[in-house]
Amino acid sequence: MIIQVRVSPRASRALVQKNDVGYKVYCTRPAVDGEANAQVIELIADFFKVKKYRVRIIRGDTSRTKTLEISDE
Protein backbone atom coordinates (compact mmCIF):
# COMPACT_ATOMS: atom_id res chain seq x y z
CA MET A 1 0.00 0.00 0.00
CA ILE A 2 1.31 3.47 -0.87
CA ILE A 3 0.22 6.51 1.16
CA GLN A 4 0.88 10.26 1.15
CA VAL A 5 2.04 11.80 4.42
CA ARG A 6 2.48 15.43 5.47
CA VAL A 7 4.96 15.77 8.36
CA SER A 8 5.04 18.43 11.05
CA PRO A 9 8.34 18.13 12.96
CA ARG A 10 8.90 19.49 16.48
CA ALA A 11 5.23 19.21 17.39
CA SER A 12 4.15 19.16 21.02
CA ARG A 13 2.88 15.57 20.74
CA ALA A 14 3.35 12.57 18.46
CA LEU A 15 0.16 11.88 16.52
CA VAL A 16 -1.14 10.49 13.21
CA GLN A 17 -4.35 11.89 11.70
CA LYS A 18 -6.14 10.83 8.54
CA ASN A 19 -7.36 13.65 6.31
CA ASP A 20 -8.89 13.93 2.83
CA VAL A 21 -5.52 13.97 1.03
CA GLY A 22 -3.67 11.33 3.05
CA TYR A 23 -2.23 11.43 6.56
CA LYS A 24 -0.84 14.15 8.78
CA VAL A 25 1.96 13.06 11.11
CA TYR A 26 3.03 15.21 14.05
CA CYS A 27 6.57 14.37 15.22
CA THR A 28 8.17 15.53 18.44
CA ARG A 29 11.69 15.07 17.06
CA PRO A 30 13.43 17.71 14.93
CA ALA A 31 14.12 17.23 11.23
CA VAL A 32 17.87 16.82 11.80
CA ASP A 33 19.95 13.76 10.84
CA GLY A 34 16.82 11.79 9.92
CA GLU A 35 15.35 11.84 13.42
CA ALA A 36 11.90 12.99 12.25
CA ASN A 37 11.91 10.41 9.42
CA ALA A 38 12.67 7.64 11.91
CA GLN A 39 9.81 8.79 14.13
CA VAL A 40 7.45 9.00 11.11
CA ILE A 41 8.22 5.35 10.33
CA GLU A 42 7.62 4.38 13.98
CA LEU A 43 4.31 6.27 14.18
CA ILE A 44 2.97 4.97 10.85
CA ALA A 45 3.96 1.40 11.75
CA ASP A 46 2.13 1.74 15.06
CA PHE A 47 -0.91 3.36 13.40
CA PHE A 48 -1.26 0.54 10.83
CA LYS A 49 -0.18 -2.13 13.35
CA VAL A 50 2.75 -3.44 11.30
CA LYS A 51 6.45 -3.86 12.06
CA LYS A 52 8.73 -0.87 11.41
CA TYR A 53 10.74 -2.71 8.75
CA ARG A 54 7.57 -2.94 6.61
CA VAL A 55 7.36 0.87 6.27
CA ARG A 56 9.75 2.73 4.00
CA ILE A 57 10.01 6.20 2.54
CA ILE A 58 9.81 6.06 -1.25
CA ARG A 59 9.85 9.79 -1.98
CA GLY A 60 10.41 12.96 0.03
CA ASP A 61 13.30 12.08 2.31
CA THR A 62 14.11 15.76 2.87
CA SER A 63 10.61 17.13 2.28
CA ARG A 64 7.63 17.57 4.60
CA THR A 65 5.45 15.76 2.05
CA LYS A 66 6.44 12.11 1.83
CA THR A 67 5.30 9.04 -0.02
CA LEU A 68 5.47 5.89 2.09
CA GLU A 69 5.14 2.26 1.14
CA ILE A 70 3.71 -0.23 3.63
CA SER A 71 4.45 -3.78 2.58
CA ASP A 72 2.23 -6.62 3.74
CA GLU A 73 4.83 -9.35 3.33
PDB file of N, CA and C in Angstrom:
ATOM      1  N   MET A   1       0.847  -1.162   0.000  1.00  0.00           N
ATOM      2  CA  MET A   1       0.000   0.000   0.000  1.00  0.00           C
ATOM      3  C   MET A   1       0.906   1.243   0.000  1.00  0.00           C
ATOM      4  N   ILE A   2       0.550   2.225  -0.780  1.00  0.00           N
ATOM      5  CA  ILE A   2       1.306   3.472  -0.869  1.00  0.00           C
ATOM      6  C   ILE A   2       0.422   4.603  -0.345  1.00  0.00           C
ATOM      7  N   ILE A   3       0.985   5.414   0.563  1.00  0.00           N
ATOM      8  CA  ILE A   3       0.222   6.512   1.159  1.00  0.00           C
ATOM      9  C   ILE A   3       1.017   7.817   1.077  1.00  0.00           C
ATOM     10  N   GLN A   4       0.287   8.929   1.098  1.00  0.00           N
ATOM     11  CA  GLN A   4       0.876  10.264   1.151  1.00  0.00           C
ATOM     12  C   GLN A   4       0.831  10.750   2.595  1.00  0.00           C
ATOM     13  N   VAL A   5       1.929  11.344   3.043  1.00  0.00           N
ATOM     14  CA  VAL A   5       2.040  11.803   4.421  1.00  0.00           C
ATOM     15  C   VAL A   5       2.571  13.228   4.426  1.00  0.00           C
ATOM     16  N   ARG A   6       1.983  14.064   5.241  1.00  0.00           N
ATOM     17  CA  ARG A   6       2.475  15.427   5.473  1.00  0.00           C
ATOM     18  C   ARG A   6       3.016  15.454   6.897  1.00  0.00           C
ATOM     19  N   VAL A   7       4.279  15.845   7.069  1.00  0.00           N
ATOM     20  CA  VAL A   7       4.956  15.768   8.358  1.00  0.00           C
ATOM     21  C   VAL A   7       5.087  17.152   8.983  1.00  0.00           C
ATOM     22  N   SER A   8       4.838  17.209  10.275  1.00  0.00           N
ATOM     23  CA  SER A   8       5.039  18.429  11.045  1.00  0.00           C
ATOM     24  C   SER A   8       6.045  18.120  12.155  1.00  0.00           C
ATOM     25  N   PRO A   9       7.340  18.432  11.931  1.00  0.00           N
ATOM     26  CA  PRO A   9       8.341  18.130  12.957  1.00  0.00           C
ATOM     27  C   PRO A   9       8.270  19.106  14.124  1.00  0.00           C
ATOM     28  N   ARG A  10       8.860  18.696  15.238  1.00  0.00           N
ATOM     29  CA  ARG A  10       8.902  19.490  16.477  1.00  0.00           C
ATOM     30  C   ARG A  10       7.520  19.876  16.992  1.00  0.00           C
ATOM     31  N   ALA A  11       6.574  18.976  16.858  1.00  0.00           N
ATOM     32  CA  ALA A  11       5.231  19.210  17.395  1.00  0.00           C
ATOM     33  C   ALA A  11       5.244  18.935  18.898  1.00  0.00           C
ATOM     34  N   SER A  12       4.199  19.363  19.576  1.00  0.00           N
ATOM     35  CA  SER A  12       4.148  19.158  21.020  1.00  0.00           C
ATOM     36  C   SER A  12       3.812  17.723  21.392  1.00  0.00           C
ATOM     37  N   ARG A  13       3.193  16.979  20.464  1.00  0.00           N
ATOM     38  CA  ARG A  13       2.883  15.571  20.740  1.00  0.00           C
ATOM     39  C   ARG A  13       2.992  14.762  19.449  1.00  0.00           C
ATOM     40  N   ALA A  14       3.243  13.479  19.600  1.00  0.00           N
ATOM     41  CA  ALA A  14       3.353  12.569  18.458  1.00  0.00           C
ATOM     42  C   ALA A  14       1.970  12.029  18.141  1.00  0.00           C
ATOM     43  N   LEU A  15       1.527  12.216  16.890  1.00  0.00           N
ATOM     44  CA  LEU A  15       0.162  11.878  16.523  1.00  0.00           C
ATOM     45  C   LEU A  15       0.065  11.629  15.023  1.00  0.00           C
ATOM     46  N   VAL A  16      -0.829  10.723  14.619  1.00  0.00           N
ATOM     47  CA  VAL A  16      -1.139  10.487  13.209  1.00  0.00           C
ATOM     48  C   VAL A  16      -2.623  10.754  13.013  1.00  0.00           C
ATOM     49  N   GLN A  17      -2.948  11.590  12.018  1.00  0.00           N
ATOM     50  CA  GLN A  17      -4.346  11.891  11.698  1.00  0.00           C
ATOM     51  C   GLN A  17      -4.598  11.623  10.234  1.00  0.00           C
ATOM     52  N   LYS A  18      -5.741  11.041   9.929  1.00  0.00           N
ATOM     53  CA  LYS A  18      -6.135  10.832   8.541  1.00  0.00           C
ATOM     54  C   LYS A  18      -6.920  12.051   8.081  1.00  0.00           C
ATOM     55  N   ASN A  19      -6.598  12.545   6.871  1.00  0.00           N
ATOM     56  CA  ASN A  19      -7.356  13.655   6.307  1.00  0.00           C
ATOM     57  C   ASN A  19      -7.763  13.299   4.881  1.00  0.00           C
ATOM     58  N   ASP A  20      -8.360  14.229   4.160  1.00  0.00           N
ATOM     59  CA  ASP A  20      -8.892  13.926   2.829  1.00  0.00           C
ATOM     60  C   ASP A  20      -7.805  13.646   1.800  1.00  0.00           C
ATOM     61  N   VAL A  21      -6.612  14.165   1.990  1.00  0.00           N
ATOM     62  CA  VAL A  21      -5.520  13.968   1.029  1.00  0.00           C
ATOM     63  C   VAL A  21      -4.702  12.725   1.363  1.00  0.00           C
ATOM     64  N   GLY A  22      -4.493  12.462   2.618  1.00  0.00           N
ATOM     65  CA  GLY A  22      -3.672  11.332   3.051  1.00  0.00           C
ATOM     66  C   GLY A  22      -3.624  11.305   4.562  1.00  0.00           C
ATOM     67  N   TYR A  23      -2.419  11.463   5.110  1.00  0.00           N
ATOM     68  CA  TYR A  23      -2.234  11.430   6.556  1.00  0.00           C
ATOM     69  C   TYR A  23      -1.378  12.599   6.987  1.00  0.00           C
ATOM     70  N   LYS A  24      -1.636  13.092   8.175  1.00  0.00           N
ATOM     71  CA  LYS A  24      -0.841  14.153   8.783  1.00  0.00           C
ATOM     72  C   LYS A  24      -0.150  13.538   9.986  1.00  0.00           C
ATOM     73  N   VAL A  25       1.180  13.647  10.028  1.00  0.00           N
ATOM     74  CA  VAL A  25       1.965  13.059  11.110  1.00  0.00           C
ATOM     75  C   VAL A  25       2.652  14.178  11.881  1.00  0.00           C
ATOM     76  N   TYR A  26       2.397  14.235  13.176  1.00  0.00           N
ATOM     77  CA  TYR A  26       3.034  15.205  14.051  1.00  0.00           C
ATOM     78  C   TYR A  26       4.161  14.499  14.795  1.00  0.00           C
ATOM     79  N   CYS A  27       5.393  14.977  14.598  1.00  0.00           N
ATOM     80  CA  CYS A  27       6.571  14.373  15.224  1.00  0.00           C
ATOM     81  C   CYS A  27       7.114  15.295  16.300  1.00  0.00           C
ATOM     82  N   THR A  28       7.566  14.729  17.391  1.00  0.00           N
ATOM     83  CA  THR A  28       8.173  15.531  18.443  1.00  0.00           C
ATOM     84  C   THR A  28       9.658  15.752  18.187  1.00  0.00           C
ATOM     85  N   ARG A  29      10.256  14.952  17.349  1.00  0.00           N
ATOM     86  CA  ARG A  29      11.691  15.072  17.063  1.00  0.00           C
ATOM     87  C   ARG A  29      11.934  16.102  15.960  1.00  0.00           C
ATOM     88  N   PRO A  30      13.113  16.731  15.975  1.00  0.00           N
ATOM     89  CA  PRO A  30      13.426  17.711  14.928  1.00  0.00           C
ATOM     90  C   PRO A  30      13.821  17.017  13.630  1.00  0.00           C
ATOM     91  N   ALA A  31      13.760  17.769  12.546  1.00  0.00           N
ATOM     92  CA  ALA A  31      14.122  17.231  11.229  1.00  0.00           C
ATOM     93  C   ALA A  31      15.626  17.379  11.007  1.00  0.00           C
ATOM     94  N   VAL A  32      16.406  16.761  11.882  1.00  0.00           N
ATOM     95  CA  VAL A  32      17.865  16.815  11.805  1.00  0.00           C
ATOM     96  C   VAL A  32      18.397  15.391  11.836  1.00  0.00           C
ATOM     97  N   ASP A  33      19.302  15.083  10.916  1.00  0.00           N
ATOM     98  CA  ASP A  33      19.945  13.761  10.842  1.00  0.00           C
ATOM     99  C   ASP A  33      18.944  12.618  10.753  1.00  0.00           C
ATOM    100  N   GLY A  34      17.794  12.846  10.133  1.00  0.00           N
ATOM    101  CA  GLY A  34      16.815  11.791   9.919  1.00  0.00           C
ATOM    102  C   GLY A  34      16.013  11.395  11.141  1.00  0.00           C
ATOM    103  N   GLU A  35      16.087  12.180  12.200  1.00  0.00           N
ATOM    104  CA  GLU A  35      15.351  11.835  13.422  1.00  0.00           C
ATOM    105  C   GLU A  35      13.840  11.867  13.196  1.00  0.00           C
ATOM    106  N   ALA A  36      13.349  12.892  12.506  1.00  0.00           N
ATOM    107  CA  ALA A  36      11.905  12.985  12.248  1.00  0.00           C
ATOM    108  C   ALA A  36      11.459  11.857  11.324  1.00  0.00           C
ATOM    109  N   ASN A  37      12.266  11.513  10.317  1.00  0.00           N
ATOM    110  CA  ASN A  37      11.910  10.411   9.420  1.00  0.00           C
ATOM    111  C   ASN A  37      11.804   9.096  10.183  1.00  0.00           C
ATOM    112  N   ALA A  38      12.722   8.866  11.109  1.00  0.00           N
ATOM    113  CA  ALA A  38      12.674   7.641  11.912  1.00  0.00           C
ATOM    114  C   ALA A  38      11.403   7.609  12.759  1.00  0.00           C
ATOM    115  N   GLN A  39      11.021   8.756  13.320  1.00  0.00           N
ATOM    116  CA  GLN A  39       9.805   8.787  14.125  1.00  0.00           C
ATOM    117  C   GLN A  39       8.562   8.632  13.255  1.00  0.00           C
ATOM    118  N   VAL A  40       8.584   9.183  12.038  1.00  0.00           N
ATOM    119  CA  VAL A  40       7.454   9.002  11.114  1.00  0.00           C
ATOM    120  C   VAL A  40       7.247   7.519  10.848  1.00  0.00           C
ATOM    121  N   ILE A  41       8.318   6.794  10.594  1.00  0.00           N
ATOM    122  CA  ILE A  41       8.217   5.355  10.329  1.00  0.00           C
ATOM    123  C   ILE A  41       7.657   4.637  11.555  1.00  0.00           C
ATOM    124  N   GLU A  42       8.131   4.998  12.749  1.00  0.00           N
ATOM    125  CA  GLU A  42       7.615   4.385  13.975  1.00  0.00           C
ATOM    126  C   GLU A  42       6.121   4.653  14.158  1.00  0.00           C
ATOM    127  N   LEU A  43       5.713   5.900  13.964  1.00  0.00           N
ATOM    128  CA  LEU A  43       4.312   6.267  14.182  1.00  0.00           C
ATOM    129  C   LEU A  43       3.386   5.623  13.155  1.00  0.00           C
ATOM    130  N   ILE A  44       3.797   5.597  11.898  1.00  0.00           N
ATOM    131  CA  ILE A  44       2.967   4.974  10.853  1.00  0.00           C
ATOM    132  C   ILE A  44       2.873   3.469  11.087  1.00  0.00           C
ATOM    133  N   ALA A  45       3.976   2.840  11.470  1.00  0.00           N
ATOM    134  CA  ALA A  45       3.957   1.400  11.751  1.00  0.00           C
ATOM    135  C   ALA A  45       3.007   1.100  12.912  1.00  0.00           C
ATOM    136  N   ASP A  46       3.036   1.925  13.929  1.00  0.00           N
ATOM    137  CA  ASP A  46       2.135   1.737  15.065  1.00  0.00           C
ATOM    138  C   ASP A  46       0.680   1.986  14.660  1.00  0.00           C
ATOM    139  N   PHE A  47       0.440   3.013  13.842  1.00  0.00           N
ATOM    140  CA  PHE A  47      -0.912   3.360  13.399  1.00  0.00           C
ATOM    141  C   PHE A  47      -1.538   2.226  12.583  1.00  0.00           C
ATOM    142  N   PHE A  48      -0.754   1.618  11.678  1.00  0.00           N
ATOM    143  CA  PHE A  48      -1.259   0.537  10.835  1.00  0.00           C
ATOM    144  C   PHE A  48      -1.033  -0.845  11.443  1.00  0.00           C
ATOM    145  N   LYS A  49      -0.431  -0.878  12.622  1.00  0.00           N
ATOM    146  CA  LYS A  49      -0.178  -2.132  13.348  1.00  0.00           C
ATOM    147  C   LYS A  49       0.655  -3.118  12.524  1.00  0.00           C
ATOM    148  N   VAL A  50       1.774  -2.611  12.016  1.00  0.00           N
ATOM    149  CA  VAL A  50       2.752  -3.436  11.299  1.00  0.00           C
ATOM    150  C   VAL A  50       4.121  -3.190  11.925  1.00  0.00           C
ATOM    151  N   LYS A  51       5.085  -4.029  11.575  1.00  0.00           N
ATOM    152  CA  LYS A  51       6.451  -3.861  12.058  1.00  0.00           C
ATOM    153  C   LYS A  51       7.103  -2.683  11.333  1.00  0.00           C
ATOM    154  N   LYS A  52       8.075  -2.048  11.992  1.00  0.00           N
ATOM    155  CA  LYS A  52       8.732  -0.875  11.414  1.00  0.00           C
ATOM    156  C   LYS A  52       9.439  -1.191  10.096  1.00  0.00           C
ATOM    157  N   TYR A  53       9.991  -2.397   9.967  1.00  0.00           N
ATOM    158  CA  TYR A  53      10.735  -2.714   8.748  1.00  0.00           C
ATOM    159  C   TYR A  53       9.815  -2.829   7.528  1.00  0.00           C
ATOM    160  N   ARG A  54       8.509  -2.883   7.724  1.00  0.00           N
ATOM    161  CA  ARG A  54       7.566  -2.944   6.606  1.00  0.00           C
ATOM    162  C   ARG A  54       7.227  -1.564   6.035  1.00  0.00           C
ATOM    163  N   VAL A  55       7.645  -0.507   6.714  1.00  0.00           N
ATOM    164  CA  VAL A  55       7.361   0.865   6.266  1.00  0.00           C
ATOM    165  C   VAL A  55       8.653   1.471   5.726  1.00  0.00           C
ATOM    166  N   ARG A  56       8.562   2.061   4.534  1.00  0.00           N
ATOM    167  CA  ARG A  56       9.745   2.727   4.004  1.00  0.00           C
ATOM    168  C   ARG A  56       9.340   3.976   3.232  1.00  0.00           C
ATOM    169  N   ILE A  57      10.237   4.942   3.245  1.00  0.00           N
ATOM    170  CA  ILE A  57      10.006   6.203   2.541  1.00  0.00           C
ATOM    171  C   ILE A  57      10.455   6.028   1.098  1.00  0.00           C
ATOM    172  N   ILE A  58       9.503   6.193   0.172  1.00  0.00           N
ATOM    173  CA  ILE A  58       9.810   6.063  -1.252  1.00  0.00           C
ATOM    174  C   ILE A  58      10.279   7.406  -1.812  1.00  0.00           C
ATOM    175  N   ARG A  59       9.590   8.465  -1.434  1.00  0.00           N
ATOM    176  CA  ARG A  59       9.854   9.791  -1.980  1.00  0.00           C
ATOM    177  C   ARG A  59       9.702  10.827  -0.877  1.00  0.00           C
ATOM    178  N   GLY A  60      10.548  11.861  -0.907  1.00  0.00           N
ATOM    179  CA  GLY A  60      10.411  12.964   0.032  1.00  0.00           C
ATOM    180  C   GLY A  60      11.251  12.837   1.279  1.00  0.00           C
ATOM    181  N   ASP A  61      12.431  12.251   1.151  1.00  0.00           N
ATOM    182  CA  ASP A  61      13.303  12.075   2.308  1.00  0.00           C
ATOM    183  C   ASP A  61      13.598  13.392   3.020  1.00  0.00           C
ATOM    184  N   THR A  62      13.778  14.469   2.269  1.00  0.00           N
ATOM    185  CA  THR A  62      14.107  15.761   2.866  1.00  0.00           C
ATOM    186  C   THR A  62      12.954  16.753   2.784  1.00  0.00           C
ATOM    187  N   SER A  63      11.783  16.274   2.431  1.00  0.00           N
ATOM    188  CA  SER A  63      10.610  17.128   2.276  1.00  0.00           C
ATOM    189  C   SER A  63       9.595  16.842   3.380  1.00  0.00           C
ATOM    190  N   ARG A  64       8.702  17.789   3.617  1.00  0.00           N
ATOM    191  CA  ARG A  64       7.632  17.569   4.596  1.00  0.00           C
ATOM    192  C   ARG A  64       6.535  16.685   4.023  1.00  0.00           C
ATOM    193  N   THR A  65       6.408  16.642   2.698  1.00  0.00           N
ATOM    194  CA  THR A  65       5.447  15.762   2.045  1.00  0.00           C
ATOM    195  C   THR A  65       6.178  14.511   1.606  1.00  0.00           C
ATOM    196  N   LYS A  66       5.752  13.380   2.106  1.00  0.00           N
ATOM    197  CA  LYS A  66       6.441  12.114   1.833  1.00  0.00           C
ATOM    198  C   LYS A  66       5.481  11.089   1.256  1.00  0.00           C
ATOM    199  N   THR A  67       6.030  10.180   0.476  1.00  0.00           N
ATOM    200  CA  THR A  67       5.296   9.035  -0.025  1.00  0.00           C
ATOM    201  C   THR A  67       5.889   7.809   0.666  1.00  0.00           C
ATOM    202  N   LEU A  68       5.027   7.070   1.351  1.00  0.00           N
ATOM    203  CA  LEU A  68       5.470   5.889   2.087  1.00  0.00           C
ATOM    204  C   LEU A  68       4.887   4.632   1.480  1.00  0.00           C
ATOM    205  N   GLU A  69       5.643   3.562   1.571  1.00  0.00           N
ATOM    206  CA  GLU A  69       5.145   2.255   1.142  1.00  0.00           C
ATOM    207  C   GLU A  69       5.066   1.363   2.380  1.00  0.00           C
ATOM    208  N   ILE A  70       3.904   0.724   2.549  1.00  0.00           N
ATOM    209  CA  ILE A  70       3.713  -0.227   3.629  1.00  0.00           C
ATOM    210  C   ILE A  70       3.529  -1.594   2.989  1.00  0.00           C
ATOM    211  N   SER A  71       4.527  -2.454   3.177  1.00  0.00           N
ATOM    212  CA  SER A  71       4.445  -3.778   2.577  1.00  0.00           C
ATOM    213  C   SER A  71       3.704  -4.725   3.510  1.00  0.00           C
ATOM    214  N   ASP A  72       2.996  -5.663   2.927  1.00  0.00           N
ATOM    215  CA  ASP A  72       2.231  -6.616   3.742  1.00  0.00           C
ATOM    216  C   ASP A  72       2.924  -7.951   3.841  1.00  0.00           C
ATOM    217  N   GLU A  73       4.072  -8.094   3.244  1.00  0.00           N
ATOM    218  CA  GLU A  73       4.827  -9.349   3.329  1.00  0.00           C
ATOM    219  C   GLU A  73       6.171  -9.119   3.931  1.00  0.00           C
TER     220      GLU A  73
END
